[in-house]
Amino acid sequence: MLGLAIAHRLAAGGATVTVLEKETALARHQTGRNSGVAHAGVYYAPGSLKATLCRQGVTELAGFCRAHDVAYIECGKVIVATTDPEVARLDALLARAVANGVPGVRLIDADEITRIEPHVRGRAALHSPSTAIVDFVGFADALRGVLVDDGGAVLTGHDVTAIDERLDGVHVGCANGADLRFDALVACAGLHADHVAQLTGGSPEPRIVPFRGEYFQLVAARRDLVRGLVYPVPDPALPFLGIHFTATVDGGVLVGPNAVLALAREGYRWRDVDPHELWDLLRWPGFRRLARAQWRTGAAEVYRSLNRVAFAAEARRFVPELRLRDLRRTRAGVRAQAVNDDGTLLDDFRLDITRRIVHVRNAPSPAATASLAIADHVVQALSEVA
């Protein structure tokens, strides 16, 4: 989707644009497998690209969706604290949200939580009324439609296997035998961002470490347990938001995701294993440093992945009425998390830019929300180096 957003902005400015998509259809990976939340900008460090582009992007996203009849619903979010340390962290979270210009955000007490979400229990919460849910697959389809109307092209089934920057442009080879030339290239390869960067002789770091997020959904008869979005207070040491409840635009409610190491870049199930990718990851010193620092957290996530009772218990912290039989397993997604060679998780968006090539090296959540703003940022960067 990020590639489509950038292509849309370039085509709107008069450029001739072609999008190369590895799969035979759009939105097969992160775009079509996320929780469908348009983030308001609560979590991100003020002044960071995430904070700036999320706030700009969510406004642009809402306007685009309204203009193109894509579902976008401001259902609101409560970030619920259930312990003393979590209550203490709400003040810092509020300060971030205010600094980022999130509209209407405020602290609420236990009674107000139950007025907004009758089945949710907590000691205090941060309420973000403008946080929304959106049909990101529909958004991607609409972007393609506008791009094509502006003279652009989207070529599916074009898995890029070679990139060669020459004096006459950037030559791109694909697994299907296509050999194409462009004046400039923007690589938005998601789960394969580091591999594509290496095709151009770029640094292998930061590397992508794939984390699978597994979801359950509430059975139809129990969807009334949650009206909007119910999140835990995030751990400031980790980029993951924890198991939460997410209303969806089709009337369902997702529960999750967790965050377990995927055994392949596109490892949506435990049995999806790519031995080459896994061995390459395990022998990399950066991953081993990450594993030493976060093994307890990782072990807890694996336990909840393999034990549905433990998964439900974590969710029940916020919705005590939740029963195991209320949950049905549904889709999983894989987050493309960039990791530095010292084992630290790269938190902010990152672009690597040369005169002819832009690599999007790290674009996790809220990249979907911020996609149009990221596109503007990339277009501006290209104009400055052209």
Protein backbone atom coordinates (compact mmCIF):
# COMPACT_ATOMS: atom_id res chain seq x y z
CA MET A 1 0.00 0.00 0.00
CA LEU A 2 2.81 2.41 0.77
CA GLY A 3 4.17 1.88 -2.72
CA LEU A 4 0.74 2.66 -4.18
CA ALA A 5 0.48 5.82 -2.08
CA ILE A 6 3.87 7.06 -3.30
CA ALA A 7 3.04 6.15 -6.90
CA HIS A 8 -0.27 8.03 -6.59
CA ARG A 9 1.48 11.19 -5.38
CA LEU A 10 4.13 10.98 -8.13
CA ALA A 11 1.54 10.42 -10.85
CA ALA A 12 -0.59 13.29 -9.55
CA GLY A 13 2.48 15.49 -9.99
CA GLY A 14 2.82 14.52 -13.64
CA ALA A 15 5.31 11.63 -13.46
CA THR A 16 4.89 8.44 -15.47
CA VAL A 17 4.74 5.73 -12.82
CA THR A 18 4.76 1.92 -12.82
CA VAL A 19 4.19 -0.16 -9.68
CA LEU A 20 5.76 -3.63 -9.57
CA GLU A 21 3.93 -6.00 -7.22
CA LYS A 22 5.42 -9.39 -6.34
CA GLU A 23 2.06 -11.06 -5.74
CA THR A 24 -0.71 -11.69 -8.27
CA ALA A 25 -3.05 -9.40 -6.29
CA LEU A 26 -2.70 -6.37 -4.05
CA ALA A 27 -2.73 -6.27 -0.23
CA ARG A 28 -1.65 -9.88 0.32
CA HIS A 29 0.67 -9.11 3.26
CA GLN A 30 0.87 -6.27 5.80
CA THR A 31 -1.80 -4.12 4.12
CA GLY A 32 -4.43 -6.85 4.14
CA ARG A 33 -3.47 -8.50 7.41
CA ASN A 34 -3.27 -5.64 9.92
CA SER A 35 -5.94 -4.73 12.46
CA GLY A 36 -7.43 -1.94 10.33
CA VAL A 37 -6.80 0.93 12.76
CA ALA A 38 -6.18 4.52 11.69
CA HIS A 39 -3.98 5.74 14.54
CA ALA A 40 -4.42 9.26 15.93
CA GLY A 41 -0.77 9.67 17.02
CA VAL A 42 -0.90 8.92 20.74
CA TYR A 43 2.17 6.73 21.10
CA TYR A 44 4.97 8.32 19.10
CA ALA A 45 7.84 10.47 20.31
CA PRO A 46 7.09 14.14 19.54
CA GLY A 47 9.20 15.37 16.66
CA SER A 48 9.78 11.87 15.25
CA LEU A 49 8.79 11.00 11.70
CA LYS A 50 6.17 8.65 13.11
CA ALA A 51 4.53 11.43 15.13
CA THR A 52 4.69 14.07 12.41
CA LEU A 53 3.64 11.88 9.51
CA CYS A 54 0.95 10.03 11.48
CA ARG A 55 -0.83 13.26 12.38
CA GLN A 56 -0.55 14.61 8.83
CA GLY A 57 -1.36 11.23 7.31
CA VAL A 58 -4.48 10.43 9.31
CA THR A 59 -6.08 13.66 8.15
CA GLU A 60 -5.22 12.89 4.53
CA LEU A 61 -6.36 9.27 4.92
CA ALA A 62 -9.76 10.32 6.30
CA GLY A 63 -10.27 12.79 3.47
CA PHE A 64 -9.25 10.29 0.79
CA CYS A 65 -11.54 7.60 2.19
CA ARG A 66 -14.52 9.95 2.32
CA ALA A 67 -13.84 11.11 -1.25
CA HIS A 68 -13.57 7.56 -2.60
CA ASP A 69 -16.26 5.80 -0.56
CA VAL A 70 -13.83 3.72 1.52
CA ALA A 71 -15.08 2.75 5.00
CA TYR A 72 -13.58 5.01 7.71
CA ILE A 73 -15.26 5.06 11.14
CA GLU A 74 -14.15 7.16 14.15
CA CYS A 75 -15.09 4.67 16.86
CA GLY A 76 -12.57 5.89 19.46
CA LYS A 77 -10.02 4.11 21.61
CA VAL A 78 -9.49 3.57 25.33
CA ILE A 79 -5.98 2.66 26.52
CA VAL A 80 -6.73 0.90 29.79
CA ALA A 81 -4.53 0.69 32.87
CA THR A 82 -5.17 -2.17 35.29
CA THR A 83 -2.13 -1.85 37.61
CA ASP A 84 -0.35 0.94 39.52
CA PRO A 85 2.66 1.06 37.14
CA GLU A 86 0.30 1.28 34.15
CA VAL A 87 -1.70 4.09 35.76
CA ALA A 88 1.56 5.98 36.34
CA ARG A 89 2.51 5.60 32.64
CA LEU A 90 -0.74 7.19 31.46
CA ASP A 91 0.49 10.70 32.32
CA ALA A 92 3.50 10.34 30.02
CA LEU A 93 1.27 8.92 27.29
CA LEU A 94 -1.12 11.87 27.64
CA ALA A 95 1.79 14.30 27.41
CA ARG A 96 2.92 12.68 24.16
CA ALA A 97 -0.57 12.77 22.70
CA VAL A 98 -1.03 16.44 23.57
CA ALA A 99 2.41 17.33 22.16
CA ASN A 100 1.48 15.53 18.94
CA GLY A 101 -1.80 17.43 18.63
CA VAL A 102 -4.15 14.47 19.05
CA PRO A 103 -7.67 15.98 19.28
CA GLY A 104 -9.88 15.40 22.31
CA VAL A 105 -7.50 13.06 24.14
CA ARG A 106 -7.99 12.94 27.92
CA LEU A 107 -7.58 10.80 31.02
CA ILE A 108 -10.70 9.09 32.32
CA ASP A 109 -11.54 7.16 35.48
CA ALA A 110 -13.08 3.70 35.96
CA ASP A 111 -16.65 4.99 35.78
CA GLU A 112 -16.03 6.79 32.51
CA ILE A 113 -14.42 3.67 31.06
CA THR A 114 -17.63 1.71 31.65
CA ARG A 115 -19.75 4.51 30.17
CA ILE A 116 -17.74 4.30 26.94
CA GLU A 117 -17.18 0.52 27.03
CA PRO A 118 -19.76 -1.10 29.37
CA HIS A 119 -17.99 -4.49 29.54
CA VAL A 120 -14.44 -3.14 30.02
CA ARG A 121 -12.88 -2.79 33.47
CA GLY A 122 -9.82 -0.80 34.45
CA ARG A 123 -8.51 1.62 37.04
CA ALA A 124 -8.00 4.49 34.59
CA ALA A 125 -7.58 5.02 30.87
CA LEU A 126 -6.57 7.40 28.14
CA HIS A 127 -9.47 8.13 25.78
CA SER A 128 -8.74 9.06 22.15
CA PRO A 129 -12.13 9.72 20.54
CA SER A 130 -10.74 10.38 17.05
CA THR A 131 -8.98 7.03 16.61
CA ALA A 132 -10.68 5.25 13.73
CA ILE A 133 -11.04 1.97 11.87
CA VAL A 134 -10.63 1.74 8.11
CA ASP A 135 -10.85 -0.72 5.24
CA PHE A 136 -7.19 -0.71 4.17
CA VAL A 137 -7.76 -3.24 1.38
CA GLY A 138 -10.42 -0.93 -0.03
CA PHE A 139 -8.01 1.98 0.40
CA ALA A 140 -5.35 0.14 -1.61
CA ASP A 141 -7.87 -0.64 -4.35
CA ALA A 142 -8.94 3.00 -4.47
CA LEU A 143 -5.31 4.14 -4.70
CA ARG A 144 -4.79 1.81 -7.65
CA GLY A 145 -7.89 3.20 -9.35
CA VAL A 146 -6.76 6.81 -8.97
CA LEU A 147 -3.22 5.91 -10.08
CA VAL A 148 -4.48 4.23 -13.25
CA ASP A 149 -6.77 7.20 -13.97
CA ASP A 150 -3.68 9.42 -13.77
CA GLY A 151 -1.88 7.31 -16.36
CA GLY A 152 0.02 4.98 -14.02
CA ALA A 153 0.30 1.21 -14.25
CA VAL A 154 0.25 -1.60 -11.69
CA LEU A 155 1.99 -4.80 -12.80
CA THR A 156 1.24 -7.77 -10.55
CA GLY A 157 3.29 -10.97 -10.57
CA HIS A 158 6.55 -9.02 -10.94
CA ASP A 159 8.94 -10.34 -8.29
CA VAL A 160 12.04 -8.14 -8.45
CA THR A 161 15.26 -10.18 -8.50
CA ALA A 162 17.85 -7.71 -9.84
CA ILE A 163 18.42 -3.96 -9.65
CA ASP A 164 21.23 -2.24 -11.53
CA GLU A 165 21.75 1.53 -11.36
CA ARG A 166 23.41 2.72 -14.59
CA LEU A 167 24.07 6.03 -16.32
CA ASP A 168 20.85 5.73 -18.34
CA GLY A 169 18.65 4.85 -15.36
CA VAL A 170 17.73 2.01 -13.03
CA HIS A 171 17.37 -1.39 -14.67
CA VAL A 172 15.08 -3.86 -12.90
CA GLY A 173 14.91 -7.58 -13.59
CA CYS A 174 12.01 -9.76 -12.47
CA ALA A 175 11.57 -13.48 -11.90
CA ASN A 176 9.06 -13.65 -14.76
CA GLY A 177 11.75 -12.51 -17.23
CA ALA A 178 10.70 -8.86 -17.46
CA ASP A 179 13.58 -6.39 -17.88
CA LEU A 180 12.51 -2.80 -17.23
CA ARG A 181 14.21 0.58 -17.06
CA PHE A 182 13.19 3.58 -14.95
CA ASP A 183 14.59 7.04 -14.32
CA ALA A 184 14.18 6.47 -10.57
CA LEU A 185 13.10 3.69 -8.25
CA VAL A 186 11.27 3.70 -4.91
CA ALA A 187 11.53 0.36 -3.11
CA CYS A 188 8.73 -0.38 -0.64
CA ALA A 189 9.44 -4.05 -0.12
CA GLY A 190 8.07 -4.50 3.41
CA LEU A 191 9.07 -7.92 4.69
CA HIS A 192 11.85 -8.07 2.09
CA ALA A 193 13.12 -4.48 2.40
CA ASP A 194 16.64 -5.48 3.44
CA HIS A 195 16.94 -8.07 0.69
CA VAL A 196 15.90 -5.57 -1.98
CA ALA A 197 18.32 -2.98 -0.59
CA GLN A 198 21.13 -5.51 -0.96
CA LEU A 199 20.26 -5.96 -4.64
CA THR A 200 21.53 -2.42 -5.16
CA GLY A 201 24.67 -2.95 -3.08
CA GLY A 202 23.14 -1.28 -0.05
CA SER A 203 23.84 -2.22 3.55
CA PRO A 204 22.16 -5.38 4.86
CA GLU A 205 21.47 -3.51 8.10
CA PRO A 206 19.02 -2.76 9.47
CA ARG A 207 17.70 -6.25 8.85
CA ILE A 208 14.06 -7.24 8.84
CA VAL A 209 13.05 -9.59 11.63
CA PRO A 210 9.54 -10.96 11.00
CA PHE A 211 7.16 -11.07 13.97
CA ARG A 212 3.87 -12.89 13.50
CA GLY A 213 0.78 -11.38 15.08
CA GLU A 214 -1.99 -13.92 15.66
CA TYR A 215 -5.62 -12.89 16.02
CA PHE A 216 -8.80 -14.35 17.38
CA GLN A 217 -12.22 -12.88 16.71
CA LEU A 218 -15.26 -12.69 18.94
CA VAL A 219 -18.10 -14.97 17.94
CA ALA A 220 -21.10 -13.09 16.55
CA ALA A 221 -23.19 -13.47 19.70
CA ARG A 222 -20.48 -11.79 21.83
CA ARG A 223 -19.48 -8.87 19.62
CA ASP A 224 -21.31 -6.53 21.99
CA LEU A 225 -18.50 -7.01 24.54
CA VAL A 226 -16.57 -4.23 22.77
CA ARG A 227 -17.86 -1.17 20.96
CA GLY A 228 -14.65 0.36 19.65
CA LEU A 229 -10.95 -0.10 20.40
CA VAL A 230 -9.61 -1.32 23.76
CA TYR A 231 -5.83 -1.32 24.21
CA PRO A 232 -3.44 -2.01 27.08
CA VAL A 233 -0.92 0.58 28.24
CA PRO A 234 2.13 -0.14 26.05
CA ASP A 235 5.50 -1.24 27.37
CA PRO A 236 7.84 1.70 26.56
CA ALA A 237 10.71 -0.75 25.92
CA LEU A 238 8.91 -2.49 23.03
CA PRO A 239 7.30 -1.29 19.78
CA PHE A 240 4.42 -3.77 20.07
CA LEU A 241 1.13 -2.61 21.58
CA GLY A 242 0.07 -5.87 23.25
CA ILE A 243 -3.13 -7.92 22.92
CA HIS A 244 -6.10 -5.63 22.36
CA PHE A 245 -9.69 -5.56 21.09
CA THR A 246 -10.37 -3.98 17.70
CA ALA A 247 -13.76 -3.38 16.14
CA THR A 248 -13.66 -3.84 12.37
CA VAL A 249 -15.54 -2.07 9.59
CA ASP A 250 -17.51 -5.24 8.79
CA GLY A 251 -18.98 -5.38 12.31
CA GLY A 252 -16.58 -7.92 13.81
CA VAL A 253 -14.17 -7.65 16.73
CA LEU A 254 -10.57 -8.85 16.56
CA VAL A 255 -8.65 -9.91 19.68
CA GLY A 256 -4.87 -9.73 19.42
CA PRO A 257 -2.28 -9.64 18.10
CA ASN A 258 0.54 -11.25 20.02
CA ALA A 259 4.10 -10.96 18.66
CA VAL A 260 6.02 -14.19 18.06
CA LEU A 261 9.05 -14.71 15.89
CA ALA A 262 7.90 -15.92 12.47
CA LEU A 263 9.95 -18.77 11.01
CA ALA A 264 9.78 -17.26 7.53
CA ARG A 265 9.36 -13.76 6.12
CA GLU A 266 5.82 -14.77 5.15
CA GLY A 267 5.34 -17.21 8.02
CA TYR A 268 1.67 -16.83 8.89
CA ARG A 269 1.51 -20.21 10.67
CA TRP A 270 3.90 -22.18 12.89
CA ARG A 271 4.32 -24.71 10.07
CA ASP A 272 5.44 -22.00 7.61
CA VAL A 273 9.20 -22.45 7.86
CA ASP A 274 11.86 -21.27 5.43
CA PRO A 275 15.10 -23.01 6.53
CA HIS A 276 17.34 -20.64 4.56
CA GLU A 277 15.73 -17.49 5.94
CA LEU A 278 15.64 -18.91 9.46
CA TRP A 279 19.29 -19.95 9.44
CA ASP A 280 20.32 -16.58 8.00
CA LEU A 281 18.47 -14.88 10.86
CA LEU A 282 19.72 -17.13 13.67
CA ARG A 283 23.38 -16.75 12.71
CA TRP A 284 23.17 -12.96 12.52
CA PRO A 285 24.75 -11.37 15.65
CA GLY A 286 22.10 -8.63 15.74
CA PHE A 287 19.33 -11.17 16.24
CA ARG A 288 21.27 -13.02 18.92
CA ARG A 289 21.74 -9.73 20.81
CA LEU A 290 18.01 -9.03 20.51
CA ALA A 291 17.16 -12.53 21.74
CA ARG A 292 19.43 -12.21 24.78
CA ALA A 293 17.83 -8.90 25.74
CA GLN A 294 14.19 -9.92 25.16
CA TRP A 295 14.08 -13.68 25.74
CA ARG A 296 11.62 -13.46 28.64
CA THR A 297 9.18 -11.39 26.62
CA GLY A 298 9.65 -13.70 23.65
CA ALA A 299 9.02 -16.81 25.73
CA ALA A 300 5.80 -15.33 27.14
CA GLU A 301 4.56 -14.53 23.62
CA VAL A 302 5.29 -18.06 22.42
CA TYR A 303 3.45 -19.48 25.43
CA ARG A 304 0.35 -17.40 24.65
CA SER A 305 0.60 -18.42 21.00
CA LEU A 306 0.56 -22.13 21.85
CA ASN A 307 -1.86 -21.86 24.77
CA ARG A 308 -5.27 -20.42 23.94
CA VAL A 309 -6.19 -20.31 27.63
CA ALA A 310 -3.23 -18.02 28.34
CA PHE A 311 -4.10 -15.83 25.35
CA ALA A 312 -7.67 -15.45 26.62
CA ALA A 313 -6.46 -14.72 30.15
CA GLU A 314 -4.41 -11.79 28.88
CA ALA A 315 -7.43 -10.38 27.04
CA ARG A 316 -9.66 -10.98 30.07
CA ARG A 317 -7.67 -8.41 32.06
CA PHE A 318 -9.79 -5.76 30.32
CA VAL A 319 -13.00 -7.69 29.59
CA PRO A 320 -13.64 -10.01 32.57
CA GLU A 321 -16.78 -11.45 30.96
CA LEU A 322 -14.75 -12.92 28.09
CA ARG A 323 -14.93 -16.72 27.92
CA LEU A 324 -12.72 -19.10 26.02
CA ARG A 325 -15.61 -20.22 23.84
CA ASP A 326 -16.15 -16.59 22.77
CA LEU A 327 -12.94 -16.72 20.70
CA ARG A 328 -12.45 -18.13 17.21
CA ARG A 329 -9.03 -18.18 15.59
CA THR A 330 -8.75 -16.02 12.49
CA ARG A 331 -6.07 -14.48 10.29
CA ALA A 332 -2.49 -13.73 11.26
CA GLY A 333 -0.18 -11.02 9.99
CA VAL A 334 3.60 -10.62 9.96
CA ARG A 335 5.18 -7.34 11.02
CA ALA A 336 8.36 -6.32 9.19
CA GLN A 337 10.45 -5.07 12.12
CA ALA A 338 13.83 -3.54 11.32
CA VAL A 339 16.59 -4.40 13.80
CA ASN A 340 20.02 -2.77 14.07
CA ASP A 341 23.17 -4.86 14.24
CA ASP A 342 23.46 -4.06 17.98
CA GLY A 343 20.14 -5.86 18.55
CA THR A 344 18.03 -2.74 19.11
CA LEU A 345 14.65 -2.41 17.45
CA LEU A 346 14.47 0.49 15.00
CA ASP A 347 11.49 2.51 16.19
CA ASP A 348 11.08 5.35 13.72
CA PHE A 349 10.44 5.29 9.98
CA ARG A 350 13.65 5.14 7.95
CA LEU A 351 14.41 5.99 4.33
CA ASP A 352 17.75 5.50 2.51
CA ILE A 353 18.00 7.89 -0.44
CA THR A 354 20.39 8.23 -3.36
CA ARG A 355 19.91 10.28 -6.53
CA ARG A 356 17.94 7.58 -8.32
CA ILE A 357 16.79 5.16 -5.62
CA VAL A 358 14.78 5.48 -2.41
CA HIS A 359 14.64 2.48 -0.08
CA VAL A 360 11.94 2.41 2.60
CA ARG A 361 13.93 0.45 5.19
CA ASN A 362 11.52 0.58 8.13
CA ALA A 363 7.82 1.37 7.93
CA PRO A 364 5.89 -0.47 10.65
CA SER A 365 2.70 0.82 12.26
CA PRO A 366 1.48 3.54 11.83
CA ALA A 367 2.73 3.39 8.23
CA ALA A 368 -0.69 2.44 6.88
CA THR A 369 -2.26 5.43 8.63
CA ALA A 370 0.59 7.72 7.55
CA SER A 371 0.96 6.34 4.01
CA LEU A 372 -0.14 9.46 2.14
CA ALA A 373 2.06 11.67 4.32
CA ILE A 374 5.02 9.29 3.90
CA ALA A 375 4.37 9.54 0.16
CA ASP A 376 4.57 13.34 0.33
CA HIS A 377 7.82 13.03 2.31
CA VAL A 378 9.33 10.68 -0.28
CA VAL A 379 8.27 12.87 -3.20
CA GLN A 380 9.85 15.89 -1.51
CA ALA A 381 13.06 13.92 -0.84
CA LEU A 382 13.23 12.86 -4.49
CA SER A 383 12.82 16.44 -5.67
CA GLU A 384 15.71 17.55 -3.48
CA VAL A 385 18.18 14.99 -4.87
CA ALA A 386 17.07 15.02 -8.49
